[in-house]
Amino acid sequence: MIARRLALGAALAAPALLALRPTAAQTAPAPVPPSPQAPGFYRFRLGEITVVMIHDGMVFRANPLEGLVVNQPASAVQAALEAAMLPTRNLVNPYIVTFLETPRGVVAFDAGTGAGQLPAGTGLLPQNLAAAGIRPEDVTLICVSHFHGDHITGLTTADNRPFYPNAEVAVPAAEWAWWSEEANAARSPQFQRGNFANTARRFGPLRARLRMFEDGQEIAPGIRAIATPGHTPGHCAFHVSSGGEQLFVTADAAGRPELFLRHPGWHSVFDFDPVMAEQSRRRLFGRIAAERARMAAYHFNFPGTGFIAREGDGFRFVPADWTGVV
């Protein structure tokens, strides 16, 4: 059905959230644009299905010491970055979309940024899908985690036609209830209010194929929803099982693991309700660690898949080795 190849690489690019709160300092030197890399896709087996991680790009945060972590001083953030051997200027925020190749068709978890629709360097998902041998028409189901722009803009093209012409789109009922009701704008953080217009635009052409799901509901065989609110009101992760193996698709339950997993009590500027996001983060990653299960994340370094270990009051991301690569 779909070409099976082994390929590793990182096609570097950069999607951004629909609205980014500006950093306090704008004096960091501009990052050097990355040179072209190998096609950004990575495959591994999970029971009877194949998981494909597709790189959709990255953004640079000029000054991660100010404004990214809202409940910690710059000195604490600097110490965490330096301990992880990460830069304290122009920190990369990657974007990775998870796909499943199943006997019933291809399943996508979120839709990426959309080619040419968000800032320069974003939108590499279409070309990396092609490199992986996946056509948009092969996708039969899209499970949406939440409605931030870097997750739903890729549902449609620049002229607002469906990018995945045959896909049913499943969304968290709680997320839809919030962002589809314009009256909620006044109760949303100022920098997130653009999500209302983008929600209406992206889902408008897809209403006939749209369905809602609730926490714990089986969305498709082997795929179950896990409510993880806080990053947005209805943010959702997913549990995938096949052939006795399992995978947690964690979406934005944690951003950079060196910050928000190592210190799960740190609150991100991008979280709608930081306290609730922390509770969801601790619960989800505590379960993943306890079950020694594989996970996939949206904003970890490519290919964004591995395991979680407890470390003190927090967690440590353990990248997967080549076991299961196909």
Protein backbone atom coordinates (compact mmCIF):
# COMPACT_ATOMS: atom_id res chain seq x y z
CA MET A 1 0.00 0.00 0.00
CA ILE A 2 2.64 2.47 1.07
CA ALA A 3 6.32 2.33 0.22
CA ARG A 4 8.33 1.01 3.14
CA ARG A 5 11.74 2.56 3.47
CA LEU A 6 14.29 3.17 6.10
CA ALA A 7 15.20 6.83 6.32
CA LEU A 8 16.51 9.04 9.04
CA GLY A 9 17.11 12.73 8.86
CA ALA A 10 15.92 16.08 9.91
CA ALA A 11 14.49 18.46 7.38
CA LEU A 12 14.88 21.68 9.30
CA ALA A 13 12.14 24.24 9.14
CA ALA A 14 9.94 26.21 11.47
CA PRO A 15 6.27 26.35 12.26
CA ALA A 16 5.08 28.74 14.91
CA LEU A 17 1.99 28.94 17.05
CA LEU A 18 -0.76 31.03 15.54
CA ALA A 19 0.12 33.81 17.95
CA LEU A 20 3.42 33.98 19.85
CA ARG A 21 3.84 36.20 22.88
CA PRO A 22 6.94 38.33 22.17
CA THR A 23 10.06 37.71 24.21
CA ALA A 24 11.28 40.42 26.52
CA ALA A 25 14.68 40.74 24.85
CA GLN A 26 15.14 41.19 21.15
CA THR A 27 18.92 41.60 21.12
CA ALA A 28 19.99 37.99 20.58
CA PRO A 29 21.82 37.55 17.27
CA ALA A 30 19.65 36.07 14.55
CA PRO A 31 20.23 32.34 14.03
CA VAL A 32 21.95 31.22 10.86
CA PRO A 33 19.34 29.56 8.60
CA PRO A 34 19.91 25.80 8.53
CA SER A 35 21.29 24.24 5.39
CA PRO A 36 19.21 21.60 3.60
CA GLN A 37 19.19 18.21 5.30
CA ALA A 38 18.09 14.68 4.46
CA PRO A 39 14.33 13.99 4.30
CA GLY A 40 12.86 14.32 7.79
CA PHE A 41 11.05 11.06 8.46
CA TYR A 42 11.63 8.08 10.73
CA ARG A 43 9.79 4.74 10.86
CA PHE A 44 9.49 2.11 13.57
CA ARG A 45 7.23 -0.86 14.21
CA LEU A 46 4.62 -0.94 16.95
CA GLY A 47 3.08 -4.39 17.07
CA GLU A 48 1.30 -4.86 13.75
CA ILE A 49 1.48 -1.25 12.57
CA THR A 50 4.19 1.19 11.52
CA VAL A 51 4.69 4.58 13.15
CA VAL A 52 6.14 7.36 10.99
CA MET A 53 7.50 10.52 12.58
CA ILE A 54 7.46 13.43 10.11
CA HIS A 55 9.49 16.59 10.74
CA ASP A 56 7.52 19.75 10.00
CA GLY A 57 10.23 22.25 10.93
CA MET A 58 11.27 24.42 13.85
CA VAL A 59 11.33 27.92 15.25
CA PHE A 60 14.02 29.74 17.18
CA ARG A 61 13.15 31.46 20.44
CA ALA A 62 15.57 34.38 20.56
CA ASN A 63 15.73 34.65 24.35
CA PRO A 64 14.40 31.56 26.17
CA LEU A 65 15.59 32.99 29.50
CA GLU A 66 12.81 35.56 29.60
CA GLY A 67 9.13 34.86 29.06
CA LEU A 68 9.21 31.16 28.14
CA VAL A 69 8.96 29.84 31.72
CA VAL A 70 6.59 32.14 33.55
CA ASN A 71 7.11 30.98 37.14
CA GLN A 72 10.92 30.82 37.26
CA PRO A 73 13.67 33.43 37.22
CA ALA A 74 15.98 33.68 34.23
CA SER A 75 18.84 32.26 36.31
CA ALA A 76 16.97 28.96 36.86
CA VAL A 77 16.14 28.61 33.18
CA GLN A 78 19.73 29.39 32.23
CA ALA A 79 21.02 26.73 34.64
CA ALA A 80 18.65 24.12 33.21
CA LEU A 81 19.64 24.90 29.62
CA GLU A 82 23.34 24.85 30.41
CA ALA A 83 22.99 21.56 32.31
CA ALA A 84 21.39 20.08 29.17
CA MET A 85 24.12 21.53 26.90
CA LEU A 86 21.56 23.75 25.17
CA PRO A 87 22.05 27.35 24.03
CA THR A 88 20.66 30.21 26.07
CA ARG A 89 19.97 32.20 22.90
CA ASN A 90 18.05 31.07 19.81
CA LEU A 91 16.70 27.89 21.37
CA VAL A 92 15.17 25.55 18.79
CA ASN A 93 11.56 24.45 19.15
CA PRO A 94 10.97 21.49 16.77
CA TYR A 95 7.65 20.36 15.31
CA ILE A 96 6.98 16.68 14.60
CA VAL A 97 3.75 15.06 13.40
CA THR A 98 3.07 11.38 14.17
CA PHE A 99 1.47 9.11 11.55
CA LEU A 100 0.35 5.48 11.78
CA GLU A 101 0.37 3.14 8.78
CA THR A 102 -2.42 0.65 9.50
CA PRO A 103 -4.34 -1.92 7.46
CA ARG A 104 -7.30 0.48 7.48
CA GLY A 105 -5.34 3.45 6.13
CA VAL A 106 -3.03 6.11 7.49
CA VAL A 107 -3.84 7.94 10.74
CA ALA A 108 -2.37 11.36 11.51
CA PHE A 109 -2.10 12.96 14.93
CA ASP A 110 -2.51 16.66 14.15
CA ALA A 111 -1.90 18.28 10.78
CA GLY A 112 1.15 20.50 11.11
CA THR A 113 1.61 24.09 10.04
CA GLY A 114 0.64 24.07 6.39
CA ALA A 115 3.19 24.84 3.68
CA GLY A 116 3.87 28.55 3.34
CA GLN A 117 1.14 29.59 5.78
CA LEU A 118 3.12 30.34 8.93
CA PRO A 119 6.49 32.12 9.24
CA ALA A 120 9.47 31.36 7.02
CA GLY A 121 10.97 27.94 7.60
CA THR A 122 7.70 26.27 8.51
CA GLY A 123 5.58 23.83 6.54
CA LEU A 124 7.99 21.07 5.50
CA LEU A 125 5.46 18.33 6.26
CA PRO A 126 4.16 17.99 2.67
CA GLN A 127 7.60 17.40 1.18
CA ASN A 128 8.62 15.05 4.00
CA LEU A 129 5.39 13.08 3.63
CA ALA A 130 6.22 12.63 -0.04
CA ALA A 131 9.76 11.53 0.83
CA ALA A 132 8.26 8.95 3.21
CA GLY A 133 5.97 7.63 0.45
CA ILE A 134 2.75 8.84 2.10
CA ARG A 135 0.22 10.69 -0.06
CA PRO A 136 -2.30 13.08 1.53
CA GLU A 137 -5.09 10.97 0.01
CA ASP A 138 -3.79 7.92 1.96
CA VAL A 139 -4.75 9.57 5.26
CA THR A 140 -8.17 8.35 6.39
CA LEU A 141 -8.28 9.80 9.92
CA ILE A 142 -6.79 12.84 11.64
CA CYS A 143 -6.88 12.85 15.45
CA VAL A 144 -6.49 16.47 16.57
CA SER A 145 -4.94 17.09 19.98
CA HIS A 146 -5.81 20.79 20.27
CA PHE A 147 -6.42 23.87 18.16
CA HIS A 148 -3.19 25.87 18.31
CA GLY A 149 -2.17 27.09 14.88
CA ASP A 150 0.90 24.86 14.52
CA HIS A 151 -1.37 21.81 14.91
CA ILE A 152 -4.37 22.67 12.71
CA THR A 153 -3.26 25.15 10.04
CA GLY A 154 -2.08 22.22 7.91
CA LEU A 155 -5.62 20.84 7.72
CA THR A 156 -6.18 23.13 4.73
CA THR A 157 -4.08 24.77 2.04
CA ALA A 158 -3.37 28.47 1.68
CA ASP A 159 -6.61 28.84 -0.32
CA ASN A 160 -8.42 26.82 2.40
CA ARG A 161 -8.96 23.56 0.54
CA PRO A 162 -8.63 20.31 2.54
CA PHE A 163 -5.06 19.08 2.33
CA TYR A 164 -6.10 15.51 3.23
CA PRO A 165 -9.01 14.95 0.82
CA ASN A 166 -10.20 11.60 2.22
CA ALA A 167 -9.67 12.09 5.94
CA GLU A 168 -12.25 12.09 8.69
CA VAL A 169 -11.28 14.61 11.39
CA ALA A 170 -11.78 13.72 15.06
CA VAL A 171 -11.46 16.48 17.67
CA PRO A 172 -11.82 16.65 21.47
CA ALA A 173 -15.35 17.73 22.34
CA ALA A 174 -14.07 20.04 25.10
CA GLU A 175 -11.64 21.73 22.71
CA TRP A 176 -14.33 22.28 20.11
CA ALA A 177 -16.72 23.67 22.71
CA TRP A 178 -14.20 26.34 23.70
CA TRP A 179 -12.69 27.54 20.43
CA SER A 180 -15.86 27.34 18.34
CA GLU A 181 -17.68 29.74 20.67
CA GLU A 182 -16.60 33.32 20.01
CA ALA A 183 -18.00 34.45 23.37
CA ASN A 184 -15.12 32.61 25.04
CA ALA A 185 -12.58 35.00 23.51
CA ALA A 186 -12.94 37.46 26.38
CA ARG A 187 -12.02 34.64 28.80
CA SER A 188 -8.96 33.57 26.84
CA PRO A 189 -5.39 34.92 27.09
CA GLN A 190 -4.95 37.83 24.71
CA PHE A 191 -2.25 36.15 22.64
CA GLN A 192 -4.41 33.06 22.10
CA ARG A 193 -7.50 34.84 20.80
CA GLY A 194 -6.45 34.40 17.17
CA ASN A 195 -7.23 30.70 17.61
CA PHE A 196 -10.95 31.44 17.32
CA ALA A 197 -10.71 32.78 13.75
CA ASN A 198 -8.26 30.05 12.73
CA THR A 199 -10.54 27.36 14.16
CA ALA A 200 -13.45 28.67 12.11
CA ARG A 201 -11.33 28.87 8.97
CA ARG A 202 -9.62 25.48 9.14
CA PHE A 203 -12.64 23.43 10.15
CA GLY A 204 -15.09 25.27 7.91
CA PRO A 205 -14.41 23.13 4.80
CA LEU A 206 -14.32 19.97 6.96
CA ARG A 207 -17.60 20.18 8.86
CA ALA A 208 -19.14 17.25 6.97
CA ARG A 209 -16.24 15.02 8.06
CA LEU A 210 -15.92 16.28 11.63
CA ARG A 211 -16.72 14.24 14.72
CA MET A 212 -16.17 14.79 18.43
CA PHE A 213 -14.72 12.43 20.98
CA GLU A 214 -14.70 12.37 24.77
CA ASP A 215 -12.02 11.47 27.30
CA GLY A 216 -11.34 7.72 27.30
CA GLN A 217 -13.26 7.11 24.09
CA GLU A 218 -11.87 4.73 21.48
CA ILE A 219 -11.54 6.91 18.38
CA ALA A 220 -10.52 4.06 16.08
CA PRO A 221 -9.43 0.47 16.76
CA GLY A 222 -6.43 0.66 19.06
CA ILE A 223 -6.55 4.46 19.51
CA ARG A 224 -7.99 5.93 22.72
CA ALA A 225 -8.25 9.54 23.91
CA ILE A 226 -6.62 10.77 27.14
CA ALA A 227 -7.78 14.18 28.35
CA THR A 228 -4.78 16.35 29.30
CA PRO A 229 -6.28 19.85 29.70
CA GLY A 230 -4.31 22.94 30.60
CA HIS A 231 -2.19 23.66 27.55
CA THR A 232 -5.58 24.45 26.04
CA PRO A 233 -9.02 23.86 27.60
CA GLY A 234 -9.53 20.57 25.76
CA HIS A 235 -5.98 19.41 25.02
CA CYS A 236 -5.82 15.67 24.47
CA ALA A 237 -3.14 12.97 24.26
CA PHE A 238 -3.64 9.54 22.71
CA HIS A 239 -2.92 5.93 23.63
CA VAL A 240 -2.14 3.59 20.72
CA SER A 241 -2.01 -0.18 21.16
CA SER A 242 -1.14 -2.90 18.65
CA GLY A 243 0.06 -6.47 19.03
CA GLY A 244 0.65 -6.14 22.75
CA GLU A 245 2.72 -2.95 22.39
CA GLN A 246 1.72 0.61 23.22
CA LEU A 247 2.57 4.18 22.31
CA PHE A 248 1.51 7.43 23.95
CA VAL A 249 1.20 10.39 21.57
CA THR A 250 1.65 13.27 23.99
CA ALA A 251 1.18 16.31 21.70
CA ASP A 252 1.94 19.47 23.75
CA ALA A 253 1.57 18.00 27.24
CA ALA A 254 5.25 19.02 27.58
CA GLY A 255 7.39 21.35 25.52
CA ARG A 256 11.17 21.02 25.47
CA PRO A 257 11.84 18.03 27.78
CA GLU A 258 14.99 19.60 29.21
CA LEU A 259 12.76 22.27 30.75
CA PHE A 260 9.21 21.02 31.19
CA LEU A 261 9.83 17.32 31.85
CA ARG A 262 12.92 17.72 33.97
CA HIS A 263 10.93 20.35 35.89
CA PRO A 264 7.23 19.48 35.43
CA GLY A 265 6.23 22.26 37.81
CA TRP A 266 7.60 24.91 35.45
CA HIS A 267 4.84 26.74 33.63
CA SER A 268 5.07 27.52 29.92
CA VAL A 269 4.00 30.83 28.43
CA PHE A 270 1.99 28.82 25.88
CA ASP A 271 -0.22 27.10 28.48
CA PHE A 272 -3.79 28.37 28.73
CA ASP A 273 -4.09 27.23 32.38
CA PRO A 274 -0.56 26.54 33.67
CA VAL A 275 -1.64 24.89 36.92
CA MET A 276 -3.96 22.48 35.14
CA ALA A 277 -1.28 21.85 32.50
CA GLU A 278 1.17 20.88 35.25
CA GLN A 279 -1.33 18.46 36.76
CA SER A 280 -1.96 16.85 33.36
CA ARG A 281 1.76 16.67 32.63
CA ARG A 282 2.59 14.94 35.90
CA ARG A 283 -0.28 12.49 35.50
CA LEU A 284 0.43 11.59 31.86
CA PHE A 285 4.21 11.26 32.06
CA GLY A 286 3.96 9.52 35.42
CA ARG A 287 1.83 6.87 33.75
CA ILE A 288 4.20 6.56 30.79
CA ALA A 289 7.17 6.14 33.13
CA ALA A 290 5.37 3.60 35.32
CA GLU A 291 4.34 1.52 32.31
CA ARG A 292 7.77 1.83 30.65
CA ALA A 293 5.89 2.64 27.46
CA ARG A 294 7.10 4.29 24.31
CA MET A 295 5.95 7.84 23.61
CA ALA A 296 6.00 10.41 20.82
CA ALA A 297 6.00 14.17 21.29
CA TYR A 298 5.40 17.18 19.08
CA HIS A 299 8.17 19.48 20.34
CA PHE A 300 11.05 17.14 21.25
CA ASN A 301 14.16 16.87 19.10
CA PHE A 302 13.58 14.83 15.95
CA PRO A 303 12.52 12.04 15.71
CA GLY A 304 10.75 12.82 18.98
CA THR A 305 10.16 9.29 20.23
CA GLY A 306 11.51 7.39 23.20
CA PHE A 307 10.77 6.61 26.83
CA ILE A 308 10.28 8.46 30.12
CA ALA A 309 12.19 7.80 33.35
CA ARG A 310 11.49 9.37 36.72
CA GLU A 311 14.29 11.57 38.01
CA GLY A 312 13.81 13.22 41.38
CA ASP A 313 10.64 15.27 41.33
CA GLY A 314 10.63 15.26 37.53
CA PHE A 315 11.25 13.14 34.50
CA ARG A 316 13.97 12.42 31.97
CA PHE A 317 13.41 11.75 28.29
CA VAL A 318 15.28 8.68 27.03
CA PRO A 319 15.50 8.65 23.22
CA ALA A 320 14.63 5.29 21.67
CA ASP A 321 17.40 3.22 20.15
CA TRP A 322 17.10 1.57 16.74
CA THR A 323 14.99 -1.29 18.04
CA GLY A 324 11.86 -1.59 15.90
CA VAL A 325 13.16 0.57 13.06
CA VAL A 326 11.84 -0.67 9.71
